[in-house]
Every structure is written in structure tokens, then in C-alpha cells.
Amino acid sequence: MLGMPNNPQEEGYYQRYGRVLFVEADGLFVSRQGKGKRAKEDKILTVHEGWKRNGSRIEFVNQRHYVHEGKGEVWEGFEEFLINEYAYDPCRAIGSIPRGA
């Protein structure tokens, strides 16, 4: 990756590659026009490194989106996205699923 530090010892590494990433996943149900065409659910995942106050609003820090394309598993494609964008290490992952999900 050009211009991106790969070593935690380098200055600015943890500014872009946060130690904690928050992931939110959802689906968008899209109807298609035309006779006999079935509706489709697009998988959309949001990644951010936390949040901060901006006046009375809250905004995510370094928010990025991943839209799954293709027929493969969404989580495999998303993991590749995390490895490329955030120097993600799958061996250090901790997951949490809210009860309402």
C-alpha cells in the first residue's frame, strides 16, 4: 500500500489504524422493476474508530462504508476490506452482537 505505514513503530500508525474498530451491519432491501424480477437485499457495513461531539451532534471518527458485491460471503469480503484499509489482524478480533440484532 503506497503511502501507508505498515509498522506500529512508525509515526502516525495509530492515527489511521486505530486499535479499536466499531462495525455496524445492515441490509437495504431493494425492489427491482420489471416483470418477474425479484427484490434484492444489499449488505452495507459501516466501520468507524469511535465518535466525537460536534456541537449538539455526534459524528463518527474516520467512518468508511463497505457495500458487498458478488455472490461470495459478505464477511469474507469485509475481512479483506479491513485488512487492506486498517491493517486488521484477524487473530486479534473480538466480536459483540447486541441483543436486538
Protein backbone atom coordinates (compact mmCIF):
# COMPACT_ATOMS: atom_id res chain seq x y z
CA MET A 1 0.00 0.00 0.00
CA LEU A 2 1.53 3.25 -1.09
CA GLY A 3 1.99 5.98 1.49
CA MET A 4 0.52 3.98 4.36
CA PRO A 5 2.67 2.94 7.31
CA ASN A 6 2.86 -0.81 7.94
CA ASN A 7 4.82 -0.71 11.17
CA PRO A 8 3.29 0.26 14.55
CA GLN A 9 6.60 1.96 15.40
CA GLU A 10 6.16 4.49 12.58
CA GLU A 11 4.75 7.90 13.38
CA GLY A 12 1.03 8.23 12.61
CA TYR A 13 0.35 4.48 12.53
CA TYR A 14 -2.41 4.50 15.16
CA GLN A 15 -3.94 7.70 13.80
CA ARG A 16 -5.16 5.80 10.73
CA TYR A 17 -5.03 2.27 12.05
CA GLY A 18 -6.93 2.54 15.31
CA ARG A 19 -6.65 -0.20 17.86
CA VAL A 20 -10.45 -0.40 18.17
CA LEU A 21 -12.83 -0.52 15.22
CA PHE A 22 -16.60 -0.38 15.52
CA VAL A 23 -18.59 -2.25 12.87
CA GLU A 24 -22.28 -1.87 12.14
CA ALA A 25 -24.00 -4.06 9.56
CA ASP A 26 -27.40 -3.74 7.94
CA GLY A 27 -29.24 -4.66 4.79
CA LEU A 28 -31.06 -2.47 2.31
CA PHE A 29 -34.00 -4.18 0.62
CA VAL A 30 -34.20 -3.00 -3.00
CA SER A 31 -37.18 -3.69 -5.26
CA ARG A 32 -36.44 -4.17 -8.95
CA GLN A 33 -38.64 -3.04 -11.78
CA GLY A 34 -39.86 -5.40 -14.43
CA LYS A 35 -42.00 -8.48 -14.53
CA GLY A 36 -40.55 -11.49 -12.77
CA LYS A 37 -37.59 -9.67 -11.23
CA ARG A 38 -37.11 -10.45 -7.58
CA ALA A 39 -36.18 -7.96 -4.90
CA LYS A 40 -32.64 -8.00 -3.59
CA GLU A 41 -31.01 -7.18 -0.26
CA ASP A 42 -27.74 -5.23 -0.44
CA LYS A 43 -25.43 -5.73 2.51
CA ILE A 44 -23.90 -2.49 3.81
CA LEU A 45 -21.32 -2.32 6.60
CA THR A 46 -20.02 0.80 8.32
CA VAL A 47 -16.66 0.94 10.09
CA HIS A 48 -15.54 3.75 12.37
CA GLU A 49 -12.93 4.35 15.07
CA GLY A 50 -15.26 5.91 17.63
CA TRP A 51 -17.29 9.08 17.84
CA LYS A 52 -16.93 12.70 18.94
CA ARG A 53 -19.24 15.60 19.68
CA ASN A 54 -19.65 18.35 17.13
CA GLY A 55 -21.87 20.87 18.88
CA SER A 56 -25.14 19.10 19.63
CA ARG A 57 -24.42 16.36 17.11
CA ILE A 58 -22.34 13.20 17.29
CA GLU A 59 -20.11 12.24 14.36
CA PHE A 60 -18.13 9.10 13.69
CA VAL A 61 -14.34 9.25 13.51
CA ASN A 62 -12.85 8.02 10.21
CA GLN A 63 -16.10 6.48 9.01
CA ARG A 64 -15.89 4.17 5.98
CA HIS A 65 -18.52 2.09 4.18
CA TYR A 66 -18.33 -1.34 2.60
CA VAL A 67 -21.03 -2.50 0.17
CA HIS A 68 -20.84 -6.19 -0.62
CA GLU A 69 -20.86 -7.09 -4.30
CA GLY A 70 -20.89 -10.56 -5.75
CA LYS A 71 -22.17 -13.90 -4.55
CA GLY A 72 -19.45 -14.77 -2.04
CA GLU A 73 -19.79 -14.50 1.72
CA VAL A 74 -20.19 -10.90 2.89
CA TRP A 75 -17.92 -11.40 5.91
CA GLU A 76 -15.04 -12.79 3.84
CA GLY A 77 -15.12 -9.77 1.54
CA PHE A 78 -15.43 -7.45 4.52
CA GLU A 79 -12.44 -9.05 6.25
CA GLU A 80 -10.34 -8.43 3.13
CA PHE A 81 -11.52 -4.80 3.16
CA LEU A 82 -10.43 -4.44 6.81
CA ILE A 83 -7.03 -6.00 6.12
CA ASN A 84 -6.42 -3.60 3.22
CA GLU A 85 -7.78 -0.44 4.83
CA TYR A 86 -6.95 -0.82 8.52
CA ALA A 87 -4.07 -3.33 8.75
CA TYR A 88 -6.59 -5.57 10.55
CA ASP A 89 -5.27 -8.72 12.22
CA PRO A 90 -7.96 -11.47 12.33
CA CYS A 91 -6.21 -13.09 15.29
CA ARG A 92 -6.93 -10.05 17.49
CA ALA A 93 -10.65 -9.67 16.74
CA ILE A 94 -13.30 -9.51 19.46
CA GLY A 95 -16.96 -9.54 18.48
CA SER A 96 -20.13 -8.40 20.17
CA ILE A 97 -23.69 -8.75 18.93
CA PRO A 98 -26.39 -6.59 20.55
CA ARG A 99 -29.46 -8.40 21.84
CA GLY A 100 -31.75 -6.53 19.47
CA ALA A 101 -29.95 -7.83 16.39
